[in-house]
Amino acid sequence: MNYGVRVSHPHFTPGVPGPSDTAPIPAVPAQPGPPPGPPPGPSRNRALLLRGAGLVAIAVVAGLVWYLIRHDSTPEQPVAESPATTAKPAFDYKLAEGPVKATDCAANAYSGAKKFFQDNQCTSLARALYTVQSGDAKALVSVVLVTMPDAAKATELKQLTDQDGTGNVSDLVRDGTFHDTDAPKLSGDQAVYESKASGPEVTIVLTDFYYGHHDKPLLEQIAKNALKLSGKLR
């Protein structure tokens, strides 16, 4: 006698397949994607074109600027040189006497200029003589440099000596320092006078031709240019 659990078997029909662990799983249908957007309109195309054109223009300008920087053909401007302290005179002045230097201007002056220096002592005095040749004409030039305590006194001295008959500083011909029997009298009526005040300094020039030569315009040029010789007397 058999005791136990009775196991009932499912009904099996021959020729009909049953469920299996390896049976294929049916495919899940693909989900539809978002609908395609509308094609780009004319306004969008125009914006893209403008943006592209702007980038091209920037590139062209940048390239042009770089080219100009690298190929700048503008010539460099010459740097102006500072003028020399003592400008070169237009004539060839040759030193004939001096410089003779002193500190007592009153002892080396005459007439009203002597009185001026007695009341207003100068700081220094330098005197020299030069000769200059221009063609057949030869001139003797006296250059005097007076240094006063200040610019105001220098201006007073110049204003005094610029007037006729007020005296002057004695040139080296007048006081006998220069020995040349042919030398013209520089304090005479035919001599040409020039002066210049610069700060506390006064330059006084007297010049005349040798041998009675007459050419006042030339003599005036010689006198004016001789003012530049004061730098050699400092």
C-alpha atoms as a PDB file:
ATOM      1  CA  MET A   1       0.000   0.000   0.000  1.00  0.00           C
ATOM      2  CA  ASN A   2       1.432   3.296  -0.936  1.00  0.00           C
ATOM      3  CA  TYR A   3       0.836   6.486   1.080  1.00  0.00           C
ATOM      4  CA  GLY A   4       1.929   9.871  -0.195  1.00  0.00           C
ATOM      5  CA  VAL A   5       0.957  13.086  -1.963  1.00  0.00           C
ATOM      6  CA  ARG A   6      -0.572  12.822  -5.261  1.00  0.00           C
ATOM      7  CA  VAL A   7       0.837  15.218  -7.770  1.00  0.00           C
ATOM      8  CA  SER A   8      -1.452  16.176 -10.485  1.00  0.00           C
ATOM      9  CA  HIS A   9       0.164  16.918 -13.837  1.00  0.00           C
ATOM     10  CA  PRO A  10      -1.109  19.586 -16.052  1.00  0.00           C
ATOM     11  CA  HIS A  11      -2.953  18.590 -19.035  1.00  0.00           C
ATOM     12  CA  PHE A  12      -0.649  18.146 -21.961  1.00  0.00           C
ATOM     13  CA  THR A  13      -1.806  18.166 -25.443  1.00  0.00           C
ATOM     14  CA  PRO A  14       0.606  16.663 -27.940  1.00  0.00           C
ATOM     15  CA  GLY A  15       1.683  18.951 -30.782  1.00  0.00           C
ATOM     16  CA  VAL A  16       0.802  22.146 -28.927  1.00  0.00           C
ATOM     17  CA  PRO A  17       3.825  23.987 -27.521  1.00  0.00           C
ATOM     18  CA  GLY A  18       3.667  25.098 -23.974  1.00  0.00           C
ATOM     19  CA  PRO A  19       5.225  28.041 -22.185  1.00  0.00           C
ATOM     20  CA  SER A  20       9.014  28.040 -22.024  1.00  0.00           C
ATOM     21  CA  ASP A  21      11.596  30.080 -20.127  1.00  0.00           C
ATOM     22  CA  THR A  22      13.373  30.770 -23.395  1.00  0.00           C
ATOM     23  CA  ALA A  23      10.400  32.093 -25.279  1.00  0.00           C
ATOM     24  CA  PRO A  24      11.170  35.452 -26.979  1.00  0.00           C
ATOM     25  CA  ILE A  25       9.845  38.636 -25.358  1.00  0.00           C
ATOM     26  CA  PRO A  26       7.733  40.635 -27.730  1.00  0.00           C
ATOM     27  CA  ALA A  27       9.512  43.918 -28.933  1.00  0.00           C
ATOM     28  CA  VAL A  28       8.360  47.203 -27.465  1.00  0.00           C
ATOM     29  CA  PRO A  29       7.205  49.517 -30.223  1.00  0.00           C
ATOM     30  CA  ALA A  30       9.492  52.617 -30.727  1.00  0.00           C
ATOM     31  CA  GLN A  31       8.195  55.846 -29.274  1.00  0.00           C
ATOM     32  CA  PRO A  32       7.711  58.571 -31.846  1.00  0.00           C
ATOM     33  CA  GLY A  33      10.283  61.494 -31.570  1.00  0.00           C
ATOM     34  CA  PRO A  34       9.408  65.173 -31.435  1.00  0.00           C
ATOM     35  CA  PRO A  35       8.069  66.514 -34.644  1.00  0.00           C
ATOM     36  CA  PRO A  36      10.715  68.246 -36.823  1.00  0.00           C
ATOM     37  CA  GLY A  37      10.858  72.011 -36.434  1.00  0.00           C
ATOM     38  CA  PRO A  38       9.948  74.349 -39.182  1.00  0.00           C
ATOM     39  CA  PRO A  39      12.676  75.087 -41.753  1.00  0.00           C
ATOM     40  CA  PRO A  40      14.747  78.281 -41.048  1.00  0.00           C
ATOM     41  CA  GLY A  41      12.939  81.314 -42.270  1.00  0.00           C
ATOM     42  CA  PRO A  42      14.370  84.265 -44.239  1.00  0.00           C
ATOM     43  CA  SER A  43      14.950  86.439 -41.139  1.00  0.00           C
ATOM     44  CA  ARG A  44      17.114  83.790 -39.480  1.00  0.00           C
ATOM     45  CA  ASN A  45      19.150  83.295 -42.647  1.00  0.00           C
ATOM     46  CA  ARG A  46      19.694  87.056 -42.844  1.00  0.00           C
ATOM     47  CA  ALA A  47      20.901  87.202 -39.234  1.00  0.00           C
ATOM     48  CA  LEU A  48      23.377  84.394 -39.858  1.00  0.00           C
ATOM     49  CA  LEU A  49      24.661  86.137 -42.968  1.00  0.00           C
ATOM     50  CA  LEU A  50      25.059  89.452 -41.136  1.00  0.00           C
ATOM     51  CA  ARG A  51      26.922  87.766 -38.286  1.00  0.00           C
ATOM     52  CA  GLY A  52      29.277  86.065 -40.717  1.00  0.00           C
ATOM     53  CA  ALA A  53      29.848  89.295 -42.621  1.00  0.00           C
ATOM     54  CA  GLY A  54      30.607  91.114 -39.364  1.00  0.00           C
ATOM     55  CA  LEU A  55      33.222  88.542 -38.390  1.00  0.00           C
ATOM     56  CA  VAL A  56      34.842  88.794 -41.810  1.00  0.00           C
ATOM     57  CA  ALA A  57      34.914  92.609 -41.577  1.00  0.00           C
ATOM     58  CA  ILE A  58      36.566  92.483 -38.134  1.00  0.00           C
ATOM     59  CA  ALA A  59      39.186  90.080 -39.430  1.00  0.00           C
ATOM     60  CA  VAL A  60      39.896  92.318 -42.437  1.00  0.00           C
ATOM     61  CA  VAL A  61      40.243  95.457 -40.286  1.00  0.00           C
ATOM     62  CA  ALA A  62      42.498  93.689 -37.791  1.00  0.00           C
ATOM     63  CA  GLY A  63      44.687  92.430 -40.608  1.00  0.00           C
ATOM     64  CA  LEU A  64      44.884  95.894 -42.155  1.00  0.00           C
ATOM     65  CA  VAL A  65      45.872  97.505 -38.850  1.00  0.00           C
ATOM     66  CA  TRP A  66      48.568  94.885 -38.294  1.00  0.00           C
ATOM     67  CA  TYR A  67      49.892  95.421 -41.814  1.00  0.00           C
ATOM     68  CA  LEU A  68      50.067  99.193 -41.324  1.00  0.00           C
ATOM     69  CA  ILE A  69      51.887  98.758 -38.017  1.00  0.00           C
ATOM     70  CA  ARG A  70      54.438  96.395 -39.572  1.00  0.00           C
ATOM     71  CA  HIS A  71      54.837  98.430 -42.760  1.00  0.00           C
ATOM     72  CA  ASP A  72      54.602 101.993 -41.559  1.00  0.00           C
ATOM     73  CA  SER A  73      56.267 104.057 -44.275  1.00  0.00           C
ATOM     74  CA  THR A  74      56.027 107.396 -42.460  1.00  0.00           C
ATOM     75  CA  PRO A  75      59.591 108.746 -42.158  1.00  0.00           C
ATOM     76  CA  GLU A  76      60.813 109.482 -38.691  1.00  0.00           C
ATOM     77  CA  GLN A  77      60.903 113.152 -37.861  1.00  0.00           C
ATOM     78  CA  PRO A  78      64.428 114.354 -37.171  1.00  0.00           C
ATOM     79  CA  VAL A  79      65.036 115.425 -33.619  1.00  0.00           C
ATOM     80  CA  ALA A  80      65.946 119.052 -33.424  1.00  0.00           C
ATOM     81  CA  GLU A  81      69.328 119.582 -31.856  1.00  0.00           C
ATOM     82  CA  SER A  82      69.680 122.072 -29.064  1.00  0.00           C
ATOM     83  CA  PRO A  83      71.367 125.272 -30.196  1.00  0.00           C
ATOM     84  CA  ALA A  84      74.926 125.758 -29.038  1.00  0.00           C
ATOM     85  CA  THR A  85      75.484 128.002 -26.060  1.00  0.00           C
ATOM     86  CA  THR A  86      77.666 130.289 -28.176  1.00  0.00           C
ATOM     87  CA  ALA A  87      76.472 130.654 -31.777  1.00  0.00           C
ATOM     88  CA  LYS A  88      79.196 130.806 -34.412  1.00  0.00           C
ATOM     89  CA  PRO A  89      79.524 134.285 -35.940  1.00  0.00           C
ATOM     90  CA  ALA A  90      79.017 134.696 -39.682  1.00  0.00           C
ATOM     91  CA  PHE A  91      82.470 136.292 -40.116  1.00  0.00           C
ATOM     92  CA  ASP A  92      85.912 134.960 -39.340  1.00  0.00           C
ATOM     93  CA  TYR A  93      86.964 136.983 -36.289  1.00  0.00           C
ATOM     94  CA  LYS A  94      90.620 136.661 -35.389  1.00  0.00           C
ATOM     95  CA  LEU A  95      91.730 137.588 -31.886  1.00  0.00           C
ATOM     96  CA  ALA A  96      94.119 140.558 -31.966  1.00  0.00           C
ATOM     97  CA  GLU A  97      94.331 141.480 -28.268  1.00  0.00           C
ATOM     98  CA  GLY A  98      93.080 140.159 -24.922  1.00  0.00           C
ATOM     99  CA  PRO A  99      90.918 139.169 -23.296  1.00  0.00           C
ATOM    100  CA  VAL A 100      91.903 141.632 -20.595  1.00  0.00           C
ATOM    101  CA  LYS A 101      89.893 141.091 -17.414  1.00  0.00           C
ATOM    102  CA  ALA A 102      89.259 143.371 -14.418  1.00  0.00           C
ATOM    103  CA  THR A 103      86.813 144.013 -11.601  1.00  0.00           C
ATOM    104  CA  ASP A 104      87.088 147.823 -11.434  1.00  0.00           C
ATOM    105  CA  CYS A 105      84.835 149.071 -14.223  1.00  0.00           C
ATOM    106  CA  ALA A 106      85.034 152.731 -13.167  1.00  0.00           C
ATOM    107  CA  ALA A 107      88.816 152.721 -13.709  1.00  0.00           C
ATOM    108  CA  ASN A 108      88.236 151.435 -17.269  1.00  0.00           C
ATOM    109  CA  ALA A 109      85.443 153.764 -18.330  1.00  0.00           C
ATOM    110  CA  TYR A 110      85.028 157.448 -19.205  1.00  0.00           C
ATOM    111  CA  SER A 111      82.486 160.244 -19.006  1.00  0.00           C
ATOM    112  CA  GLY A 112      78.950 159.304 -17.887  1.00  0.00           C
ATOM    113  CA  ALA A 113      79.742 155.574 -17.901  1.00  0.00           C
ATOM    114  CA  LYS A 114      82.564 156.190 -15.409  1.00  0.00           C
ATOM    115  CA  LYS A 115      80.173 158.005 -13.087  1.00  0.00           C
ATOM    116  CA  PHE A 116      77.645 155.161 -13.432  1.00  0.00           C
ATOM    117  CA  PHE A 117      80.224 152.572 -12.359  1.00  0.00           C
ATOM    118  CA  GLN A 118      81.312 154.715  -9.419  1.00  0.00           C
ATOM    119  CA  ASP A 119      77.745 154.538  -8.146  1.00  0.00           C
ATOM    120  CA  ASN A 120      77.095 150.964  -9.316  1.00  0.00           C
ATOM    121  CA  GLN A 121      80.088 148.664  -9.000  1.00  0.00           C
ATOM    122  CA  CYS A 122      80.254 145.923 -11.629  1.00  0.00           C
ATOM    123  CA  THR A 123      81.029 142.294 -10.850  1.00  0.00           C
ATOM    124  CA  SER A 124      83.517 141.735 -13.667  1.00  0.00           C
ATOM    125  CA  LEU A 125      84.823 143.239 -16.907  1.00  0.00           C
ATOM    126  CA  ALA A 126      86.413 141.542 -19.928  1.00  0.00           C
ATOM    127  CA  ARG A 127      87.690 143.304 -23.078  1.00  0.00           C
ATOM    128  CA  ALA A 128      89.150 141.991 -26.341  1.00  0.00           C
ATOM    129  CA  LEU A 129      89.976 143.103 -29.882  1.00  0.00           C
ATOM    130  CA  TYR A 130      89.371 141.147 -33.088  1.00  0.00           C
ATOM    131  CA  THR A 131      90.147 141.708 -36.756  1.00  0.00           C
ATOM    132  CA  VAL A 132      87.879 140.517 -39.542  1.00  0.00           C
ATOM    133  CA  GLN A 133      88.499 140.434 -43.308  1.00  0.00           C
ATOM    134  CA  SER A 134      85.639 140.728 -45.810  1.00  0.00           C
ATOM    135  CA  GLY A 135      86.903 140.951 -49.359  1.00  0.00           C
ATOM    136  CA  ASP A 136      89.283 143.908 -49.547  1.00  0.00           C
ATOM    137  CA  ALA A 137      87.869 145.425 -46.344  1.00  0.00           C
ATOM    138  CA  LYS A 138      89.524 144.847 -42.968  1.00  0.00           C
ATOM    139  CA  ALA A 139      87.822 145.864 -39.733  1.00  0.00           C
ATOM    140  CA  LEU A 140      88.933 146.114 -36.127  1.00  0.00           C
ATOM    141  CA  VAL A 141      86.308 145.042 -33.573  1.00  0.00           C
ATOM    142  CA  SER A 142      86.175 145.785 -29.834  1.00  0.00           C
ATOM    143  CA  VAL A 143      84.073 143.407 -27.722  1.00  0.00           C
ATOM    144  CA  VAL A 144      83.388 144.257 -24.075  1.00  0.00           C
ATOM    145  CA  LEU A 145      81.515 142.067 -21.603  1.00  0.00           C
ATOM    146  CA  VAL A 146      80.324 143.741 -18.389  1.00  0.00           C
ATOM    147  CA  THR A 147      78.692 141.733 -15.624  1.00  0.00           C
ATOM    148  CA  MET A 148      76.517 143.655 -13.178  1.00  0.00           C
ATOM    149  CA  PRO A 149      75.045 142.416  -9.864  1.00  0.00           C
ATOM    150  CA  ASP A 150      71.597 141.932 -11.415  1.00  0.00           C
ATOM    151  CA  ALA A 151      69.583 142.293 -14.623  1.00  0.00           C
ATOM    152  CA  ALA A 152      68.100 145.651 -13.590  1.00  0.00           C
ATOM    153  CA  LYS A 153      71.528 147.288 -13.320  1.00  0.00           C
ATOM    154  CA  ALA A 154      72.592 145.691 -16.605  1.00  0.00           C
ATOM    155  CA  THR A 155      69.565 147.248 -18.317  1.00  0.00           C
ATOM    156  CA  GLU A 156      70.443 150.657 -16.834  1.00  0.00           C
ATOM    157  CA  LEU A 157      73.999 150.397 -18.155  1.00  0.00           C
ATOM    158  CA  LYS A 158      72.825 149.461 -21.654  1.00  0.00           C
ATOM    159  CA  GLN A 159      70.330 152.327 -21.738  1.00  0.00           C
ATOM    160  CA  LEU A 160      73.119 154.734 -20.754  1.00  0.00           C
ATOM    161  CA  THR A 161      75.723 153.591 -23.284  1.00  0.00           C
ATOM    162  CA  ASP A 162      73.123 153.417 -26.081  1.00  0.00           C
ATOM    163  CA  GLN A 163      72.880 157.223 -25.928  1.00  0.00           C
ATOM    164  CA  ASP A 164      75.347 159.514 -27.689  1.00  0.00           C
ATOM    165  CA  GLY A 165      77.738 161.535 -25.556  1.00  0.00           C
ATOM    166  CA  THR A 166      77.275 159.497 -22.367  1.00  0.00           C
ATOM    167  CA  GLY A 167      80.672 157.766 -22.359  1.00  0.00           C
ATOM    168  CA  ASN A 168      81.470 154.085 -22.498  1.00  0.00           C
ATOM    169  CA  VAL A 169      83.865 151.384 -21.347  1.00  0.00           C
ATOM    170  CA  SER A 170      87.329 152.120 -22.757  1.00  0.00           C
ATOM    171  CA  ASP A 171      88.299 149.795 -25.617  1.00  0.00           C
ATOM    172  CA  LEU A 172      91.859 148.434 -25.787  1.00  0.00           C
ATOM    173  CA  VAL A 173      92.813 150.944 -28.513  1.00  0.00           C
ATOM    174  CA  ARG A 174      91.642 153.950 -26.520  1.00  0.00           C
ATOM    175  CA  ASP A 175      93.498 152.948 -23.340  1.00  0.00           C
ATOM    176  CA  GLY A 176      96.744 152.206 -25.241  1.00  0.00           C
ATOM    177  CA  THR A 177      96.835 148.445 -24.618  1.00  0.00           C
ATOM    178  CA  PHE A 178      96.783 147.613 -28.344  1.00  0.00           C
ATOM    179  CA  HIS A 179      99.804 148.920 -30.248  1.00  0.00           C
ATOM    180  CA  ASP A 180      99.047 149.202 -33.968  1.00  0.00           C
ATOM    181  CA  THR A 181      99.696 152.485 -35.738  1.00  0.00           C
ATOM    182  CA  ASP A 182      97.170 151.620 -38.464  1.00  0.00           C
ATOM    183  CA  ALA A 183      94.393 150.745 -36.022  1.00  0.00           C
ATOM    184  CA  PRO A 184      91.221 152.829 -36.497  1.00  0.00           C
ATOM    185  CA  LYS A 185      89.872 154.913 -33.635  1.00  0.00           C
ATOM    186  CA  LEU A 186      86.954 152.814 -32.368  1.00  0.00           C
ATOM    187  CA  SER A 187      85.476 155.640 -30.294  1.00  0.00           C
ATOM    188  CA  GLY A 188      85.404 157.944 -33.340  1.00  0.00           C
ATOM    189  CA  ASP A 189      82.398 159.170 -35.305  1.00  0.00           C
ATOM    190  CA  GLN A 190      82.820 156.586 -38.091  1.00  0.00           C
ATOM    191  CA  ALA A 191      82.676 153.583 -35.747  1.00  0.00           C
ATOM    192  CA  VAL A 192      79.520 151.450 -35.503  1.00  0.00           C
ATOM    193  CA  TYR A 193      78.101 150.621 -32.072  1.00  0.00           C
ATOM    194  CA  GLU A 194      76.027 147.568 -30.978  1.00  0.00           C
ATOM    195  CA  SER A 195      74.957 146.357 -27.542  1.00  0.00           C
ATOM    196  CA  LYS A 196      72.956 143.571 -25.945  1.00  0.00           C
ATOM    197  CA  ALA A 197      71.768 142.896 -22.386  1.00  0.00           C
ATOM    198  CA  SER A 198      71.138 139.347 -21.216  1.00  0.00           C
ATOM    199  CA  GLY A 199      70.415 138.844 -17.548  1.00  0.00           C
ATOM    200  CA  PRO A 200      73.159 140.592 -15.554  1.00  0.00           C
ATOM    201  CA  GLU A 201      75.490 140.771 -18.589  1.00  0.00           C
ATOM    202  CA  VAL A 202      75.930 143.613 -21.088  1.00  0.00           C
ATOM    203  CA  THR A 203      77.885 143.138 -24.324  1.00  0.00           C
ATOM    204  CA  ILE A 204      79.191 146.281 -26.026  1.00  0.00           C
ATOM    205  CA  VAL A 205      80.685 146.236 -29.538  1.00  0.00           C
ATOM    206  CA  LEU A 206      82.532 149.006 -31.416  1.00  0.00           C
ATOM    207  CA  THR A 207      84.001 148.496 -34.889  1.00  0.00           C
ATOM    208  CA  ASP A 208      85.517 150.456 -37.765  1.00  0.00           C
ATOM    209  CA  PHE A 209      87.458 149.738 -40.952  1.00  0.00           C
ATOM    210  CA  TYR A 210      91.173 150.093 -41.449  1.00  0.00           C
ATOM    211  CA  TYR A 211      92.537 152.634 -43.910  1.00  0.00           C
ATOM    212  CA  GLY A 212      89.411 154.771 -44.090  1.00  0.00           C
ATOM    213  CA  HIS A 213      87.319 152.194 -45.944  1.00  0.00           C
ATOM    214  CA  HIS A 214      83.585 153.007 -46.036  1.00  0.00           C
ATOM    215  CA  ASP A 215      80.783 150.416 -46.160  1.00  0.00           C
ATOM    216  CA  LYS A 216      78.330 151.074 -43.379  1.00  0.00           C
ATOM    217  CA  PRO A 217      75.920 148.177 -44.118  1.00  0.00           C
ATOM    218  CA  LEU A 218      78.837 145.727 -44.004  1.00  0.00           C
ATOM    219  CA  LEU A 219      80.208 147.338 -40.854  1.00  0.00           C
ATOM    220  CA  GLU A 220      76.806 147.033 -39.192  1.00  0.00           C
ATOM    221  CA  GLN A 221      76.692 143.321 -40.020  1.00  0.00           C
ATOM    222  CA  ILE A 222      80.163 142.835 -38.579  1.00  0.00           C
ATOM    223  CA  ALA A 223      79.166 144.658 -35.375  1.00  0.00           C
ATOM    224  CA  LYS A 224      75.897 142.749 -34.957  1.00  0.00           C
ATOM    225  CA  ASN A 225      77.529 139.361 -35.455  1.00  0.00           C
ATOM    226  CA  ALA A 226      80.353 140.261 -33.082  1.00  0.00           C
ATOM    227  CA  LEU A 227      77.842 140.287 -30.195  1.00  0.00           C
ATOM    228  CA  LYS A 228      78.105 136.488 -30.293  1.00  0.00           C
ATOM    229  CA  LEU A 229      81.780 136.700 -29.316  1.00  0.00           C
ATOM    230  CA  SER A 230      80.853 137.594 -25.734  1.00  0.00           C
ATOM    231  CA  GLY A 231      80.752 133.878 -24.909  1.00  0.00           C
ATOM    232  CA  LYS A 232      84.520 133.757 -25.439  1.00  0.00           C
ATOM    233  CA  LEU A 233      85.079 136.428 -22.775  1.00  0.00           C
ATOM    234  CA  ARG A 234      83.414 134.664 -19.840  1.00  0.00           C
END
